[in-house]
Amino acid sequence: MVFSLASINLHCGLDHRGRPFAVKDAIAALDTDVVLVQENWSRTGADSLAAQAAADCGYTAYGEIALTDEVRLADLEISRGAVPDETGTWGLALMSRLPASFPAAVAIGSAPRDVVGERAAQVAHIEGVRLVNVHLTHRVLHGPRQLRRLVSGLRSDDRPTVVAGDFNMFRPTIAFGHPYRPVVRGRTFPAQRPLLQLDHVLAGPGVRVVRAEVLPSCGSDHRPVRVELG
């Protein structure tokens, strides 16, 4: 079976200047069977941005994990501009139109002076494939260590695996993810005039990639990436 997936850093629903954008429209424009989300924001007392978009766009399987406890949005330091004065949780989400199960997340550790403490990768099983949603630290020197720890944590299961997300790593350093290979090539950040590829999809042995591309800007400060898998 061929199915499509996209990875998008939602930047907490804010553009590069800290202004809200329409998350539902951004998710709908991806037009994929599965969407992996990084920087999913859940304001205290409300459903998260990804959960709301999943319900609105007809994704019937949904899971999310929080990477922070209650935190002020401003303290995440995601924008140089003003951001809404609110508190909530920040993390990862995965939505699917195909049946999905969500086993335990994989711990990938912390990094000095990271505004987030211990990070973890979200895992889902869909159509016999293991999908791994990851957001590595923005502390550049420590991303490779987290990626190696993730690869080590995935060795206990030999099913076909795809790892996708915001790696905060340039394409040459993705080699630390061996035996997973990068399958999308193109600049993704900053979205309005991209200079770097920070968002990647890594395919493991046994995964056939039919199509791979970087999509146009959708409102976030990162451009989404999209692949079709066989």
Protein backbone atom coordinates (compact mmCIF):
# COMPACT_ATOMS: atom_id res chain seq x y z
CA MET A 1 0.00 0.00 0.00
CA VAL A 2 1.17 3.53 -0.78
CA PHE A 3 0.39 6.26 1.72
CA SER A 4 1.48 9.85 2.10
CA LEU A 5 2.82 11.72 5.08
CA ALA A 6 3.91 15.26 5.84
CA SER A 7 5.93 16.79 8.63
CA ILE A 8 5.31 20.35 9.78
CA ASN A 9 6.70 22.49 12.58
CA LEU A 10 3.66 24.53 13.66
CA HIS A 11 5.72 27.11 15.58
CA CYS A 12 2.87 27.18 18.11
CA GLY A 13 0.54 28.56 15.44
CA LEU A 14 2.61 31.73 14.97
CA ASP A 15 4.47 33.10 11.96
CA HIS A 16 8.06 34.35 12.11
CA ARG A 17 6.87 37.66 13.60
CA GLY A 18 4.75 36.06 16.30
CA ARG A 19 1.41 36.57 14.53
CA PRO A 20 -1.19 33.76 14.52
CA PHE A 21 -1.88 31.89 11.29
CA ALA A 22 -4.68 29.47 10.35
CA VAL A 23 -3.41 26.07 11.51
CA LYS A 24 -6.47 24.25 10.14
CA ASP A 25 -5.80 25.62 6.65
CA ALA A 26 -2.12 24.71 6.89
CA ILE A 27 -2.94 21.09 7.80
CA ALA A 28 -5.63 20.82 5.12
CA ALA A 29 -3.24 22.11 2.45
CA LEU A 30 -0.82 19.23 3.14
CA ASP A 31 -3.39 16.76 1.76
CA THR A 32 -1.72 13.67 3.23
CA ASP A 33 -2.85 10.51 4.98
CA VAL A 34 -0.60 11.21 7.97
CA VAL A 35 0.74 14.44 9.46
CA LEU A 36 3.58 14.66 11.98
CA VAL A 37 3.57 17.90 13.97
CA GLN A 38 6.31 19.58 15.96
CA GLU A 39 5.87 22.60 18.27
CA ASN A 40 2.26 21.73 18.96
CA TRP A 41 0.86 24.23 21.45
CA SER A 42 -1.88 23.45 23.94
CA ARG A 43 -3.15 26.47 25.83
CA THR A 44 -4.13 25.64 29.40
CA GLY A 45 -7.74 24.46 29.47
CA ALA A 46 -8.04 24.02 25.69
CA ASP A 47 -7.39 21.35 23.09
CA SER A 48 -4.05 21.64 21.34
CA LEU A 49 -3.71 23.29 17.93
CA ALA A 50 -3.02 19.92 16.29
CA ALA A 51 -5.97 18.21 18.00
CA GLN A 52 -8.34 20.92 16.80
CA ALA A 53 -6.98 20.72 13.23
CA ALA A 54 -7.16 16.91 13.21
CA ALA A 55 -10.84 17.00 14.17
CA ASP A 56 -11.61 19.70 11.60
CA CYS A 57 -9.73 17.93 8.78
CA GLY A 58 -11.08 14.42 9.30
CA TYR A 59 -8.09 12.67 10.86
CA THR A 60 -9.61 9.86 12.90
CA ALA A 61 -6.47 8.56 14.66
CA TYR A 62 -4.63 11.04 16.84
CA GLY A 63 -1.92 11.05 19.48
CA GLU A 64 0.20 13.73 21.15
CA ILE A 65 2.93 14.01 23.76
CA ALA A 66 3.94 17.03 25.81
CA LEU A 67 7.62 17.91 26.07
CA THR A 68 7.06 20.62 28.67
CA ASP A 69 5.04 21.07 31.82
CA GLU A 70 2.96 24.22 32.12
CA VAL A 71 5.09 26.96 30.57
CA ARG A 72 4.57 30.53 29.41
CA LEU A 73 4.55 30.78 25.63
CA ALA A 74 6.96 33.72 25.84
CA ASP A 75 9.46 31.59 27.80
CA LEU A 76 9.84 29.17 24.86
CA GLU A 77 11.71 31.93 23.01
CA ILE A 78 10.26 30.91 19.66
CA SER A 79 9.80 34.44 18.33
CA ARG A 80 11.63 37.74 18.54
CA GLY A 81 8.29 39.52 18.35
CA ALA A 82 5.53 39.67 20.93
CA VAL A 83 3.54 36.48 21.46
CA PRO A 84 0.15 35.89 23.15
CA ASP A 85 0.31 36.08 26.94
CA GLU A 86 -0.76 32.53 27.73
CA THR A 87 0.42 29.38 29.46
CA GLY A 88 0.24 25.79 28.27
CA THR A 89 2.20 22.76 27.07
CA TRP A 90 4.43 22.32 24.03
CA GLY A 91 5.18 19.08 22.23
CA LEU A 92 4.56 16.66 19.36
CA ALA A 93 1.46 15.30 17.66
CA LEU A 94 0.60 12.79 14.95
CA MET A 95 -2.70 12.56 13.10
CA SER A 96 -3.75 9.87 10.64
CA ARG A 97 -6.66 8.93 8.39
CA LEU A 98 -5.42 5.33 8.61
CA PRO A 99 -5.67 3.13 11.71
CA ALA A 100 -2.79 3.84 14.08
CA SER A 101 -1.44 2.69 17.40
CA PHE A 102 0.85 4.69 19.64
CA PRO A 103 3.48 2.74 21.59
CA ALA A 104 5.77 4.34 24.13
CA ALA A 105 7.87 7.35 23.16
CA VAL A 106 11.65 7.05 22.84
CA ALA A 107 13.73 9.20 25.21
CA ILE A 108 16.50 11.17 23.47
CA GLY A 109 17.87 13.22 26.37
CA SER A 110 18.46 16.86 27.15
CA ALA A 111 20.92 19.56 26.08
CA PRO A 112 22.58 22.37 28.06
CA ARG A 113 20.65 25.65 28.03
CA ASP A 114 17.79 24.12 26.07
CA VAL A 115 14.49 25.81 27.02
CA VAL A 116 12.98 22.32 26.88
CA GLY A 117 14.24 19.74 29.36
CA GLU A 118 14.19 16.04 28.50
CA ARG A 119 13.12 15.46 24.91
CA ALA A 120 11.47 12.38 23.44
CA ALA A 121 10.40 11.11 20.04
CA GLN A 122 6.78 10.12 19.41
CA VAL A 123 6.15 6.70 17.84
CA ALA A 124 3.18 5.39 15.83
CA HIS A 125 2.52 2.14 13.95
CA ILE A 126 0.57 2.57 10.70
CA GLU A 127 0.14 0.01 7.90
CA GLY A 128 3.03 -2.09 9.18
CA VAL A 129 5.38 0.91 9.23
CA ARG A 130 6.83 2.55 12.33
CA LEU A 131 6.65 6.34 12.11
CA VAL A 132 8.82 8.39 14.44
CA ASN A 133 8.09 12.07 15.03
CA VAL A 134 11.05 14.02 16.37
CA HIS A 135 12.10 17.55 17.29
CA LEU A 136 15.78 17.68 18.21
CA THR A 137 17.31 20.41 20.31
CA HIS A 138 18.15 23.78 18.78
CA ARG A 139 21.50 23.58 20.60
CA VAL A 140 23.36 22.67 17.43
CA LEU A 141 26.31 20.83 18.95
CA HIS A 142 24.02 18.47 20.87
CA GLY A 143 21.61 17.43 18.10
CA PRO A 144 23.85 14.64 16.75
CA ARG A 145 24.01 13.04 20.20
CA GLN A 146 20.22 13.06 20.45
CA LEU A 147 19.92 11.58 16.95
CA ARG A 148 22.36 8.78 17.78
CA ARG A 149 20.43 8.07 20.98
CA LEU A 150 17.20 7.90 18.98
CA VAL A 151 18.69 5.45 16.46
CA SER A 152 19.90 3.29 19.33
CA GLY A 153 16.47 3.37 20.94
CA LEU A 154 14.81 2.18 17.73
CA ARG A 155 16.96 -0.95 17.29
CA SER A 156 14.70 -3.16 19.38
CA ASP A 157 12.09 -3.29 16.58
CA ASP A 158 13.04 -4.31 13.03
CA ARG A 159 9.85 -3.21 11.27
CA PRO A 160 10.22 -0.67 8.39
CA THR A 161 10.74 2.75 9.94
CA VAL A 162 10.48 6.38 8.89
CA VAL A 163 11.81 9.19 11.08
CA ALA A 164 10.59 12.71 10.32
CA GLY A 165 10.50 16.13 11.89
CA ASP A 166 12.49 19.22 12.73
CA PHE A 167 16.04 17.97 13.29
CA ASN A 168 17.62 21.39 13.72
CA MET A 169 20.50 19.80 11.78
CA PHE A 170 21.93 20.54 8.35
CA ARG A 171 21.81 17.87 5.68
CA PRO A 172 25.49 16.69 5.98
CA THR A 173 25.12 15.99 9.69
CA ILE A 174 22.06 13.80 9.09
CA ALA A 175 24.60 11.04 8.43
CA PHE A 176 24.53 10.55 12.22
CA GLY A 177 21.14 8.92 11.60
CA HIS A 178 22.61 5.91 9.75
CA PRO A 179 21.17 3.41 8.76
CA TYR A 180 18.29 5.79 8.05
CA ARG A 181 18.76 7.74 4.82
CA PRO A 182 17.50 11.26 4.01
CA VAL A 183 14.91 11.25 1.22
CA VAL A 184 13.85 14.91 0.96
CA ARG A 185 16.20 17.55 -0.43
CA GLY A 186 15.36 21.26 -0.26
CA ARG A 187 15.61 24.29 1.98
CA THR A 188 12.94 24.64 4.66
CA PHE A 189 14.03 27.48 6.97
CA PRO A 190 13.26 30.33 7.34
CA ALA A 191 10.03 29.79 5.47
CA GLN A 192 9.73 33.22 3.90
CA ARG A 193 13.17 32.92 2.27
CA PRO A 194 14.67 29.51 3.06
CA LEU A 195 18.43 29.19 3.39
CA LEU A 196 18.77 25.88 5.26
CA GLN A 197 17.21 22.44 5.41
CA LEU A 198 16.35 21.72 9.03
CA ASP A 199 13.30 19.52 8.37
CA HIS A 200 13.99 16.00 7.15
CA VAL A 201 12.46 12.62 6.44
CA LEU A 202 14.73 9.61 7.02
CA ALA A 203 13.73 6.22 5.59
CA GLY A 204 15.04 2.97 7.00
CA PRO A 205 15.80 -0.31 5.24
CA GLY A 206 12.78 -1.80 3.49
CA VAL A 207 11.01 1.54 2.97
CA ARG A 208 10.40 2.59 -0.64
CA VAL A 209 9.90 6.30 -1.26
CA VAL A 210 7.74 7.09 -4.29
CA ARG A 211 7.90 10.87 -4.07
CA ALA A 212 9.52 13.45 -1.80
CA GLU A 213 9.29 17.25 -1.76
CA VAL A 214 9.44 20.47 0.21
CA LEU A 215 6.08 22.25 0.17
CA PRO A 216 5.41 26.00 -0.04
CA SER A 217 5.25 28.16 3.05
CA CYS A 218 2.05 27.65 5.07
CA GLY A 219 2.30 30.34 7.76
CA SER A 220 4.87 28.81 10.10
CA ASP A 221 8.54 29.79 10.15
CA HIS A 222 9.38 26.33 8.68
CA ARG A 223 8.22 24.90 5.35
CA PRO A 224 6.57 21.47 5.50
CA VAL A 225 8.05 18.35 3.88
CA ARG A 226 5.97 15.64 2.21
CA VAL A 227 6.65 12.08 1.05
CA GLU A 228 4.74 9.16 -0.45
CA LEU A 229 5.78 5.75 0.84
CA GLY A 230 5.52 2.32 -0.71
